[in-house]
Amino acid sequence: LIDNDSLVDFFETHYYNDAIDSVQPLVSGALALINDSRLLTQDISDREVDYKLYSFVKREGTPDPIKSFPTVMDSILVKYKGQYLSDTDNLVDFDESFVNPIWLTLNGVIRGWAHGFTNFKGGDNITDNGPITFENGGNGVLFIPSGLAYANFGSGNILPNECLLFYIDLYDFVKDTDHDNDGVASIFE
């Protein structure tokens, strides 16, 4: 409950600046995140605790041909930047993979990622004899309560009970990922 209160307070005092692709302190004339229709709320139950997970969907993703959304068990190709909300309402960087995209499996990351990425679609691979390049993928921000992140344990320079946010670009995903290669998608096992 404390995490949700902290996130709602943050949404009331911050907005998404489309011009610089960044969450910023609220200024006169800007639309607070709490009132922005692009901020989605998901009710998630994990280990018998109910959470609210928030996803700011700047771009859902418009791949051609049309792709579905990844499941909580699929593998994703993503770039991201992680921040945590400090006691002073400031955002502090802690992790960044915005140089090169990396493959991750959603069953092996924090629960906030596993559920949050289900709001975005992968893009189109437009590589033509050069670096692997994608366009039209999902783009936005995941706002994650501590219980769906590193809870009361923390990790590295992330203290216990920190609310996290991640700027994300979803490039691609493997539909029906089969982690144990038995011919049955992991989501069905």
N, C-alpha and C. Protein backbone atom coordinates (compact mmCIF):
# COMPACT_ATOMS: atom_id res chain seq x y z
N LEU A 1 0.82 -1.20 0.00
CA LEU A 1 0.00 0.00 0.00
C LEU A 1 0.86 1.26 0.00
N ILE A 2 1.96 1.21 0.76
CA ILE A 2 2.86 2.36 0.82
C ILE A 2 3.44 2.63 -0.57
N ASP A 3 3.86 1.57 -1.26
CA ASP A 3 4.41 1.75 -2.61
C ASP A 3 3.40 2.38 -3.54
N ASN A 4 2.15 1.91 -3.49
CA ASN A 4 1.14 2.47 -4.38
C ASN A 4 0.91 3.94 -4.05
N ASP A 5 0.85 4.29 -2.77
CA ASP A 5 0.70 5.70 -2.40
C ASP A 5 1.85 6.54 -2.93
N SER A 6 3.07 6.01 -2.82
CA SER A 6 4.25 6.74 -3.32
C SER A 6 4.17 6.92 -4.83
N LEU A 7 3.76 5.88 -5.55
CA LEU A 7 3.65 5.98 -7.01
C LEU A 7 2.56 6.96 -7.41
N VAL A 8 1.40 6.91 -6.76
CA VAL A 8 0.31 7.84 -7.08
C VAL A 8 0.75 9.27 -6.80
N ASP A 9 1.42 9.52 -5.68
CA ASP A 9 1.95 10.85 -5.39
C ASP A 9 2.90 11.31 -6.49
N PHE A 10 3.75 10.38 -6.95
CA PHE A 10 4.69 10.69 -8.02
C PHE A 10 3.93 11.05 -9.31
N PHE A 11 2.88 10.29 -9.63
CA PHE A 11 2.11 10.55 -10.85
C PHE A 11 1.40 11.90 -10.79
N GLU A 12 1.05 12.34 -9.60
CA GLU A 12 0.39 13.63 -9.45
C GLU A 12 1.34 14.80 -9.60
N THR A 13 2.62 14.57 -9.44
CA THR A 13 3.60 15.66 -9.47
C THR A 13 4.59 15.56 -10.64
N HIS A 14 4.34 14.63 -11.56
CA HIS A 14 5.23 14.45 -12.72
C HIS A 14 4.41 14.27 -13.99
N TYR A 15 5.06 14.51 -15.12
CA TYR A 15 4.41 14.31 -16.42
C TYR A 15 5.41 13.68 -17.37
N TYR A 16 4.90 13.21 -18.50
CA TYR A 16 5.79 12.66 -19.52
C TYR A 16 6.01 13.72 -20.56
N ASN A 17 7.28 14.13 -20.72
CA ASN A 17 7.66 15.13 -21.71
C ASN A 17 7.97 14.40 -23.01
N ASP A 18 7.04 14.44 -23.94
CA ASP A 18 7.21 13.74 -25.22
C ASP A 18 8.38 14.28 -26.03
N ALA A 19 8.66 15.57 -25.90
CA ALA A 19 9.73 16.19 -26.68
C ALA A 19 11.10 15.60 -26.34
N ILE A 20 11.30 15.22 -25.08
CA ILE A 20 12.60 14.68 -24.68
C ILE A 20 12.49 13.23 -24.20
N ASP A 21 11.31 12.61 -24.39
CA ASP A 21 11.10 11.20 -24.00
C ASP A 21 11.53 10.94 -22.56
N SER A 22 10.95 11.69 -21.64
CA SER A 22 11.39 11.58 -20.26
C SER A 22 10.28 11.99 -19.29
N VAL A 23 10.26 11.35 -18.14
CA VAL A 23 9.38 11.76 -17.05
C VAL A 23 10.05 12.94 -16.36
N GLN A 24 9.27 14.00 -16.13
CA GLN A 24 9.80 15.23 -15.57
C GLN A 24 8.87 15.75 -14.47
N PRO A 25 9.41 16.59 -13.56
CA PRO A 25 8.52 17.24 -12.58
C PRO A 25 7.46 18.08 -13.30
N LEU A 26 6.27 18.09 -12.76
CA LEU A 26 5.14 18.78 -13.37
C LEU A 26 5.40 20.27 -13.49
N VAL A 27 5.08 20.82 -14.65
CA VAL A 27 5.18 22.25 -14.90
C VAL A 27 3.81 22.75 -15.33
N SER A 28 3.62 24.04 -15.23
CA SER A 28 2.36 24.66 -15.60
C SER A 28 2.01 24.31 -17.05
N GLY A 29 0.77 23.89 -17.27
CA GLY A 29 0.30 23.56 -18.61
C GLY A 29 0.52 22.11 -19.02
N ALA A 30 1.29 21.36 -18.25
CA ALA A 30 1.54 19.94 -18.57
C ALA A 30 0.47 19.06 -17.94
N LEU A 31 0.25 17.91 -18.51
CA LEU A 31 -0.74 16.94 -18.03
C LEU A 31 -0.06 15.96 -17.08
N ALA A 32 -0.49 15.96 -15.82
CA ALA A 32 0.10 15.05 -14.83
C ALA A 32 -0.10 13.61 -15.28
N LEU A 33 0.88 12.77 -14.97
CA LEU A 33 0.79 11.35 -15.34
C LEU A 33 -0.51 10.72 -14.85
N ILE A 34 -0.96 11.08 -13.67
CA ILE A 34 -2.17 10.49 -13.09
C ILE A 34 -3.38 10.72 -13.99
N ASN A 35 -3.35 11.79 -14.81
CA ASN A 35 -4.47 12.13 -15.70
C ASN A 35 -4.21 11.76 -17.16
N ASP A 36 -3.05 11.21 -17.44
CA ASP A 36 -2.67 10.88 -18.82
C ASP A 36 -3.26 9.52 -19.18
N SER A 37 -4.05 9.46 -20.23
CA SER A 37 -4.72 8.21 -20.63
C SER A 37 -3.73 7.13 -21.06
N ARG A 38 -2.48 7.49 -21.29
CA ARG A 38 -1.48 6.50 -21.68
C ARG A 38 -0.92 5.72 -20.49
N LEU A 39 -1.26 6.13 -19.27
CA LEU A 39 -0.84 5.41 -18.07
C LEU A 39 -1.87 4.32 -17.77
N LEU A 40 -1.45 3.07 -17.91
CA LEU A 40 -2.32 1.92 -17.67
C LEU A 40 -2.05 1.34 -16.29
N THR A 41 -3.07 0.78 -15.69
CA THR A 41 -2.95 0.13 -14.38
C THR A 41 -3.32 -1.34 -14.53
N GLN A 42 -2.48 -2.21 -13.96
CA GLN A 42 -2.76 -3.64 -13.93
C GLN A 42 -2.83 -4.07 -12.47
N ASP A 43 -3.83 -4.86 -12.14
CA ASP A 43 -3.91 -5.47 -10.81
C ASP A 43 -3.21 -6.81 -10.89
N ILE A 44 -2.17 -6.99 -10.09
CA ILE A 44 -1.35 -8.20 -10.10
C ILE A 44 -1.36 -8.81 -8.70
N SER A 45 -1.63 -10.11 -8.62
CA SER A 45 -1.49 -10.84 -7.36
C SER A 45 -0.24 -11.70 -7.47
N ASP A 46 0.65 -11.57 -6.50
CA ASP A 46 1.89 -12.33 -6.49
C ASP A 46 2.20 -12.72 -5.05
N ARG A 47 2.35 -14.01 -4.82
CA ARG A 47 2.61 -14.54 -3.48
C ARG A 47 1.57 -14.05 -2.46
N GLU A 48 0.32 -14.11 -2.90
CA GLU A 48 -0.83 -13.76 -2.07
C GLU A 48 -0.87 -12.29 -1.65
N VAL A 49 -0.20 -11.43 -2.40
CA VAL A 49 -0.23 -9.99 -2.16
C VAL A 49 -0.75 -9.33 -3.43
N ASP A 50 -1.64 -8.35 -3.28
CA ASP A 50 -2.19 -7.62 -4.42
C ASP A 50 -1.39 -6.33 -4.64
N TYR A 51 -1.04 -6.11 -5.91
CA TYR A 51 -0.26 -4.93 -6.30
C TYR A 51 -0.94 -4.21 -7.44
N LYS A 52 -0.57 -2.95 -7.62
CA LYS A 52 -0.93 -2.20 -8.82
C LYS A 52 0.38 -1.92 -9.55
N LEU A 53 0.41 -2.38 -10.79
CA LEU A 53 1.55 -2.17 -11.68
C LEU A 53 1.13 -1.14 -12.72
N TYR A 54 1.99 -0.18 -13.00
CA TYR A 54 1.65 0.88 -13.93
C TYR A 54 2.59 0.83 -15.14
N SER A 55 1.99 1.00 -16.32
CA SER A 55 2.75 1.05 -17.57
C SER A 55 2.33 2.30 -18.32
N PHE A 56 3.30 3.13 -18.64
CA PHE A 56 3.03 4.28 -19.49
C PHE A 56 3.33 3.84 -20.92
N VAL A 57 2.31 3.77 -21.74
CA VAL A 57 2.46 3.26 -23.10
C VAL A 57 2.53 4.45 -24.06
N LYS A 58 3.76 4.85 -24.37
CA LYS A 58 3.93 5.92 -25.35
C LYS A 58 3.59 5.39 -26.74
N ARG A 59 4.08 4.17 -27.03
CA ARG A 59 3.76 3.51 -28.31
C ARG A 59 3.60 2.02 -28.01
N GLU A 60 2.41 1.49 -28.28
CA GLU A 60 2.15 0.08 -28.04
C GLU A 60 3.04 -0.80 -28.91
N GLY A 61 3.29 -0.36 -30.12
CA GLY A 61 4.03 -1.12 -31.12
C GLY A 61 3.09 -1.44 -32.26
N THR A 62 3.58 -1.24 -33.47
CA THR A 62 2.75 -1.49 -34.65
C THR A 62 3.52 -2.31 -35.67
N PRO A 63 3.85 -3.54 -35.30
CA PRO A 63 4.61 -4.37 -36.23
C PRO A 63 3.78 -4.78 -37.44
N ASP A 64 4.47 -5.02 -38.54
CA ASP A 64 3.83 -5.50 -39.75
C ASP A 64 4.63 -6.70 -40.24
N PRO A 65 4.12 -7.90 -40.28
CA PRO A 65 2.72 -8.22 -40.00
C PRO A 65 2.41 -8.09 -38.51
N ILE A 66 1.13 -7.98 -38.22
CA ILE A 66 0.67 -7.80 -36.85
C ILE A 66 1.15 -8.94 -35.96
N LYS A 67 1.69 -8.59 -34.81
CA LYS A 67 2.11 -9.56 -33.81
C LYS A 67 1.25 -9.37 -32.57
N SER A 68 1.13 -10.41 -31.79
CA SER A 68 0.40 -10.30 -30.53
C SER A 68 1.33 -9.71 -29.47
N PHE A 69 0.83 -9.67 -28.26
CA PHE A 69 1.62 -9.21 -27.12
C PHE A 69 2.38 -10.41 -26.54
N PRO A 70 3.57 -10.19 -25.97
CA PRO A 70 4.26 -11.31 -25.32
C PRO A 70 3.50 -11.76 -24.07
N THR A 71 3.73 -13.00 -23.69
CA THR A 71 3.18 -13.51 -22.44
C THR A 71 4.25 -13.37 -21.36
N VAL A 72 3.90 -13.67 -20.12
CA VAL A 72 4.84 -13.59 -19.00
C VAL A 72 5.93 -14.64 -19.08
N MET A 73 5.88 -15.52 -20.08
CA MET A 73 6.88 -16.59 -20.23
C MET A 73 7.73 -16.44 -21.49
N ASP A 74 7.48 -15.43 -22.30
CA ASP A 74 8.20 -15.30 -23.57
C ASP A 74 9.58 -14.66 -23.38
N SER A 75 10.41 -14.80 -24.41
CA SER A 75 11.72 -14.16 -24.46
C SER A 75 11.58 -12.85 -25.23
N ILE A 76 12.27 -11.79 -24.76
CA ILE A 76 12.14 -10.48 -25.38
C ILE A 76 13.51 -9.91 -25.74
N LEU A 77 13.52 -9.07 -26.76
CA LEU A 77 14.70 -8.28 -27.14
C LEU A 77 14.37 -6.84 -26.77
N VAL A 78 15.14 -6.26 -25.85
CA VAL A 78 14.77 -4.98 -25.27
C VAL A 78 15.99 -4.11 -24.98
N LYS A 79 15.76 -2.80 -25.02
CA LYS A 79 16.69 -1.82 -24.47
C LYS A 79 15.97 -1.18 -23.30
N TYR A 80 16.72 -0.81 -22.25
CA TYR A 80 16.06 -0.22 -21.09
C TYR A 80 17.01 0.67 -20.31
N LYS A 81 16.40 1.51 -19.49
CA LYS A 81 17.13 2.33 -18.53
C LYS A 81 16.35 2.25 -17.23
N GLY A 82 17.01 1.84 -16.13
CA GLY A 82 16.35 1.69 -14.84
C GLY A 82 16.66 2.82 -13.90
N GLN A 83 15.64 3.24 -13.16
CA GLN A 83 15.79 4.28 -12.15
C GLN A 83 14.98 3.87 -10.92
N TYR A 84 15.34 4.40 -9.77
CA TYR A 84 14.50 4.22 -8.60
C TYR A 84 14.09 5.57 -8.05
N LEU A 85 12.96 5.56 -7.35
CA LEU A 85 12.41 6.77 -6.79
C LEU A 85 13.01 6.97 -5.40
N SER A 86 13.81 8.01 -5.24
CA SER A 86 14.46 8.26 -3.95
C SER A 86 13.48 8.90 -2.98
N ASP A 87 13.90 9.02 -1.73
CA ASP A 87 13.06 9.62 -0.70
C ASP A 87 12.70 11.07 -1.00
N THR A 88 13.50 11.72 -1.81
CA THR A 88 13.25 13.13 -2.12
C THR A 88 12.44 13.32 -3.38
N ASP A 89 11.81 12.25 -3.88
CA ASP A 89 11.00 12.31 -5.10
C ASP A 89 11.84 12.49 -6.36
N ASN A 90 13.14 12.31 -6.23
CA ASN A 90 14.02 12.37 -7.39
C ASN A 90 14.19 10.98 -7.98
N LEU A 91 14.58 10.92 -9.23
CA LEU A 91 14.87 9.65 -9.88
C LEU A 91 16.37 9.46 -9.95
N VAL A 92 16.82 8.26 -9.56
CA VAL A 92 18.24 7.95 -9.52
C VAL A 92 18.51 6.78 -10.47
N ASP A 93 19.44 6.98 -11.42
CA ASP A 93 19.80 5.91 -12.36
C ASP A 93 20.48 4.77 -11.63
N PHE A 94 20.17 3.52 -12.03
CA PHE A 94 20.89 2.39 -11.47
C PHE A 94 21.28 1.35 -12.50
N ASP A 95 20.66 1.34 -13.66
CA ASP A 95 21.00 0.32 -14.66
C ASP A 95 20.59 0.82 -16.03
N GLU A 96 21.41 0.49 -17.02
CA GLU A 96 21.10 0.96 -18.36
C GLU A 96 21.60 -0.02 -19.40
N SER A 97 20.74 -0.36 -20.32
CA SER A 97 21.10 -1.15 -21.49
C SER A 97 20.54 -0.45 -22.72
N PHE A 98 20.81 0.86 -22.83
CA PHE A 98 20.29 1.61 -23.96
C PHE A 98 21.32 1.72 -25.09
N VAL A 99 22.44 1.04 -24.95
CA VAL A 99 23.43 1.04 -26.03
C VAL A 99 23.09 -0.06 -27.02
N ASN A 100 22.96 -1.27 -26.54
CA ASN A 100 22.61 -2.41 -27.39
C ASN A 100 21.45 -3.17 -26.76
N PRO A 101 20.53 -3.64 -27.59
CA PRO A 101 19.44 -4.44 -27.02
C PRO A 101 19.96 -5.79 -26.52
N ILE A 102 19.25 -6.34 -25.54
CA ILE A 102 19.62 -7.65 -25.00
C ILE A 102 18.39 -8.55 -24.95
N TRP A 103 18.65 -9.87 -25.06
CA TRP A 103 17.57 -10.86 -24.94
C TRP A 103 17.42 -11.24 -23.47
N LEU A 104 16.18 -11.26 -23.00
CA LEU A 104 15.86 -11.69 -21.65
C LEU A 104 14.62 -12.59 -21.71
N THR A 105 14.50 -13.50 -20.78
CA THR A 105 13.28 -14.30 -20.69
C THR A 105 12.43 -13.75 -19.56
N LEU A 106 11.17 -13.53 -19.83
CA LEU A 106 10.31 -12.89 -18.84
C LEU A 106 10.04 -13.75 -17.61
N ASN A 107 10.34 -15.05 -17.69
CA ASN A 107 10.21 -15.87 -16.49
C ASN A 107 11.46 -15.81 -15.63
N GLY A 108 12.47 -15.03 -16.04
CA GLY A 108 13.72 -14.93 -15.30
C GLY A 108 14.06 -13.52 -14.87
N VAL A 109 13.08 -12.61 -14.91
CA VAL A 109 13.31 -11.22 -14.53
C VAL A 109 12.33 -10.86 -13.41
N ILE A 110 12.42 -9.64 -12.90
CA ILE A 110 11.49 -9.23 -11.84
C ILE A 110 10.06 -9.33 -12.35
N ARG A 111 9.14 -9.60 -11.45
CA ARG A 111 7.74 -9.84 -11.82
C ARG A 111 7.11 -8.61 -12.48
N GLY A 112 7.53 -7.42 -12.11
CA GLY A 112 7.01 -6.21 -12.74
C GLY A 112 7.30 -6.17 -14.23
N TRP A 113 8.47 -6.67 -14.62
CA TRP A 113 8.79 -6.76 -16.05
C TRP A 113 7.93 -7.81 -16.72
N ALA A 114 7.83 -8.98 -16.10
CA ALA A 114 7.09 -10.08 -16.70
C ALA A 114 5.66 -9.64 -17.03
N HIS A 115 5.03 -8.91 -16.14
CA HIS A 115 3.66 -8.46 -16.38
C HIS A 115 3.60 -7.18 -17.20
N GLY A 116 4.51 -6.25 -16.98
CA GLY A 116 4.48 -4.97 -17.68
C GLY A 116 4.70 -5.07 -19.18
N PHE A 117 5.57 -5.97 -19.59
CA PHE A 117 5.85 -6.09 -21.03
C PHE A 117 4.67 -6.66 -21.82
N THR A 118 3.67 -7.21 -21.13
CA THR A 118 2.49 -7.73 -21.84
C THR A 118 1.63 -6.59 -22.41
N ASN A 119 1.99 -5.33 -22.15
CA ASN A 119 1.28 -4.18 -22.69
C ASN A 119 1.91 -3.62 -23.96
N PHE A 120 2.97 -4.25 -24.43
CA PHE A 120 3.71 -3.75 -25.59
C PHE A 120 3.88 -4.84 -26.63
N LYS A 121 4.06 -4.44 -27.88
CA LYS A 121 4.32 -5.38 -28.97
C LYS A 121 5.73 -5.16 -29.49
N GLY A 122 6.31 -6.20 -30.06
CA GLY A 122 7.61 -6.08 -30.70
C GLY A 122 7.47 -5.34 -32.03
N GLY A 123 8.61 -4.98 -32.61
CA GLY A 123 8.61 -4.22 -33.85
C GLY A 123 8.97 -5.05 -35.06
N ASP A 124 9.42 -4.37 -36.09
CA ASP A 124 9.81 -4.98 -37.36
C ASP A 124 11.33 -5.01 -37.48
N ASN A 125 11.87 -6.15 -37.86
CA ASN A 125 13.30 -6.25 -38.15
C ASN A 125 13.51 -5.72 -39.56
N ILE A 126 14.18 -4.58 -39.70
CA ILE A 126 14.40 -3.97 -41.01
C ILE A 126 15.88 -4.02 -41.41
N THR A 127 16.60 -4.98 -40.85
CA THR A 127 18.02 -5.12 -41.11
C THR A 127 18.25 -5.41 -42.59
N ASP A 128 19.22 -4.69 -43.17
CA ASP A 128 19.57 -4.91 -44.57
C ASP A 128 21.08 -4.78 -44.72
N ASN A 129 21.81 -5.91 -44.57
CA ASN A 129 23.26 -5.93 -44.71
C ASN A 129 23.97 -4.94 -43.79
N GLY A 130 23.52 -4.84 -42.57
CA GLY A 130 24.15 -3.93 -41.62
C GLY A 130 23.81 -4.36 -40.21
N PRO A 131 23.93 -3.44 -39.26
CA PRO A 131 23.56 -3.78 -37.89
C PRO A 131 22.08 -4.16 -37.81
N ILE A 132 21.77 -5.05 -36.89
CA ILE A 132 20.38 -5.44 -36.70
C ILE A 132 19.59 -4.22 -36.24
N THR A 133 18.52 -3.93 -36.97
CA THR A 133 17.75 -2.72 -36.74
C THR A 133 16.26 -3.05 -36.69
N PHE A 134 15.56 -2.43 -35.74
CA PHE A 134 14.13 -2.61 -35.59
C PHE A 134 13.43 -1.27 -35.62
N GLU A 135 12.16 -1.27 -36.06
CA GLU A 135 11.33 -0.08 -35.99
C GLU A 135 9.91 -0.49 -35.58
N ASN A 136 9.15 0.48 -35.13
CA ASN A 136 7.74 0.30 -34.78
C ASN A 136 7.51 -0.57 -33.55
N GLY A 137 8.51 -0.78 -32.71
CA GLY A 137 8.33 -1.57 -31.50
C GLY A 137 7.68 -0.77 -30.38
N GLY A 138 7.31 -1.47 -29.33
CA GLY A 138 6.71 -0.84 -28.17
C GLY A 138 7.70 0.05 -27.44
N ASN A 139 7.19 1.13 -26.86
CA ASN A 139 8.03 2.11 -26.18
C ASN A 139 7.24 2.73 -25.04
N GLY A 140 7.88 2.83 -23.86
CA GLY A 140 7.20 3.45 -22.75
C GLY A 140 7.98 3.35 -21.46
N VAL A 141 7.26 3.38 -20.35
CA VAL A 141 7.87 3.36 -19.03
C VAL A 141 7.08 2.40 -18.15
N LEU A 142 7.80 1.53 -17.44
CA LEU A 142 7.19 0.65 -16.45
C LEU A 142 7.44 1.26 -15.07
N PHE A 143 6.38 1.40 -14.26
CA PHE A 143 6.48 1.89 -12.88
C PHE A 143 6.14 0.71 -11.98
N ILE A 144 7.13 0.25 -11.22
CA ILE A 144 7.01 -1.03 -10.53
C ILE A 144 7.10 -0.87 -9.02
N PRO A 145 6.07 -1.33 -8.28
CA PRO A 145 6.18 -1.32 -6.82
C PRO A 145 7.25 -2.30 -6.36
N SER A 146 7.82 -2.05 -5.20
CA SER A 146 8.96 -2.86 -4.74
C SER A 146 8.64 -4.35 -4.66
N GLY A 147 7.43 -4.71 -4.31
CA GLY A 147 7.07 -6.12 -4.18
C GLY A 147 7.11 -6.88 -5.49
N LEU A 148 7.02 -6.17 -6.62
CA LEU A 148 7.15 -6.80 -7.94
C LEU A 148 8.53 -6.55 -8.52
N ALA A 149 9.43 -6.03 -7.68
CA ALA A 149 10.82 -5.78 -8.10
C ALA A 149 11.74 -6.59 -7.18
N TYR A 150 12.48 -5.91 -6.32
CA TYR A 150 13.45 -6.60 -5.45
C TYR A 150 13.00 -6.66 -3.99
N ALA A 151 11.73 -6.30 -3.74
CA ALA A 151 11.07 -6.43 -2.43
C ALA A 151 11.96 -5.92 -1.30
N ASN A 152 12.00 -6.67 -0.20
CA ASN A 152 12.77 -6.22 0.97
C ASN A 152 14.20 -6.72 0.95
N PHE A 153 14.66 -7.22 -0.22
CA PHE A 153 16.04 -7.71 -0.34
C PHE A 153 16.96 -6.70 -1.00
N GLY A 154 16.46 -5.97 -1.98
CA GLY A 154 17.32 -5.09 -2.76
C GLY A 154 18.19 -5.90 -3.71
N SER A 155 18.99 -5.20 -4.48
CA SER A 155 19.90 -5.85 -5.43
C SER A 155 20.95 -4.84 -5.87
N GLY A 156 22.23 -5.15 -5.63
CA GLY A 156 23.29 -4.22 -6.01
C GLY A 156 23.10 -2.89 -5.30
N ASN A 157 23.02 -1.80 -6.08
CA ASN A 157 22.84 -0.49 -5.47
C ASN A 157 21.37 -0.11 -5.30
N ILE A 158 20.45 -1.06 -5.53
CA ILE A 158 19.03 -0.83 -5.28
C ILE A 158 18.75 -1.26 -3.84
N LEU A 159 18.31 -0.33 -3.04
CA LEU A 159 18.01 -0.63 -1.64
C LEU A 159 16.72 -1.44 -1.54
N PRO A 160 16.52 -2.12 -0.42
CA PRO A 160 15.25 -2.83 -0.22
C PRO A 160 14.07 -1.85 -0.29
N ASN A 161 12.95 -2.36 -0.77
CA ASN A 161 11.67 -1.63 -0.79
C ASN A 161 11.68 -0.39 -1.67
N GLU A 162 12.44 -0.41 -2.76
CA GLU A 162 12.48 0.71 -3.70
C GLU A 162 11.46 0.50 -4.83
N CYS A 163 10.69 1.54 -5.14
CA CYS A 163 9.85 1.54 -6.34
C CYS A 163 10.76 1.85 -7.51
N LEU A 164 10.58 1.12 -8.60
CA LEU A 164 11.46 1.28 -9.76
C LEU A 164 10.68 1.77 -10.97
N LEU A 165 11.39 2.40 -11.88
CA LEU A 165 10.83 2.67 -13.19
C LEU A 165 11.86 2.36 -14.25
N PHE A 166 11.36 1.88 -15.37
CA PHE A 166 12.21 1.51 -16.49
C PHE A 166 11.67 2.14 -17.76
N TYR A 167 12.53 2.91 -18.44
CA TYR A 167 12.24 3.33 -19.80
C TYR A 167 12.55 2.13 -20.67
N ILE A 168 11.62 1.72 -21.51
CA ILE A 168 11.84 0.50 -22.30
C ILE A 168 11.54 0.72 -23.78
N ASP A 169 12.28 -0.02 -24.60
CA ASP A 169 12.00 -0.16 -26.03
C ASP A 169 11.96 -1.65 -26.30
N LEU A 170 10.79 -2.18 -26.66
CA LEU A 170 10.65 -3.60 -26.98
C LEU A 170 10.81 -3.77 -28.49
N TYR A 171 11.88 -4.46 -28.88
CA TYR A 171 12.16 -4.66 -30.30
C TYR A 171 11.51 -5.90 -30.86
N ASP A 172 11.58 -6.99 -30.12
CA ASP A 172 11.07 -8.25 -30.64
C ASP A 172 10.82 -9.20 -29.48
N PHE A 173 10.11 -10.28 -29.75
CA PHE A 173 9.94 -11.34 -28.76
C PHE A 173 9.71 -12.66 -29.47
N VAL A 174 9.99 -13.73 -28.78
CA VAL A 174 9.78 -15.08 -29.32
C VAL A 174 8.43 -15.56 -28.83
N LYS A 175 7.47 -15.61 -29.74
CA LYS A 175 6.12 -16.05 -29.38
C LYS A 175 6.15 -17.51 -28.97
N ASP A 176 5.46 -17.83 -27.90
CA ASP A 176 5.37 -19.20 -27.39
C ASP A 176 6.74 -19.79 -27.10
N THR A 177 7.57 -19.03 -26.39
CA THR A 177 8.90 -19.50 -26.01
C THR A 177 8.81 -20.85 -25.31
N ASP A 178 9.68 -21.76 -25.70
CA ASP A 178 9.72 -23.12 -25.14
C ASP A 178 11.06 -23.28 -24.43
N HIS A 179 11.10 -22.94 -23.14
CA HIS A 179 12.35 -22.91 -22.39
C HIS A 179 13.03 -24.27 -22.25
N ASP A 180 12.26 -25.34 -22.17
CA ASP A 180 12.88 -26.66 -22.01
C ASP A 180 12.91 -27.48 -23.30
N ASN A 181 12.56 -26.84 -24.42
CA ASN A 181 12.63 -27.47 -25.75
C ASN A 181 11.91 -28.81 -25.83
N ASP A 182 10.73 -28.89 -25.19
CA ASP A 182 9.97 -30.14 -25.26
C ASP A 182 8.82 -30.09 -26.26
N GLY A 183 8.75 -29.00 -27.02
CA GLY A 183 7.70 -28.87 -28.03
C GLY A 183 6.42 -28.24 -27.51
N VAL A 184 6.38 -27.90 -26.21
CA VAL A 184 5.21 -27.27 -25.62
C VAL A 184 5.64 -25.89 -25.10
N ALA A 185 4.92 -24.85 -25.54
CA ALA A 185 5.25 -23.50 -25.09
C ALA A 185 5.20 -23.42 -23.56
N SER A 186 6.16 -22.74 -22.98
CA SER A 186 6.27 -22.66 -21.52
C SER A 186 5.02 -22.08 -20.86
N ILE A 187 4.31 -21.20 -21.56
CA ILE A 187 3.11 -20.60 -20.99
C ILE A 187 2.03 -21.66 -20.74
N PHE A 188 2.09 -22.79 -21.45
CA PHE A 188 1.08 -23.84 -21.30
C PHE A 188 1.51 -24.95 -20.34
N GLU A 189 2.70 -24.83 -19.76
CA GLU A 189 3.19 -25.88 -18.84
C GLU A 189 3.03 -25.47 -17.39
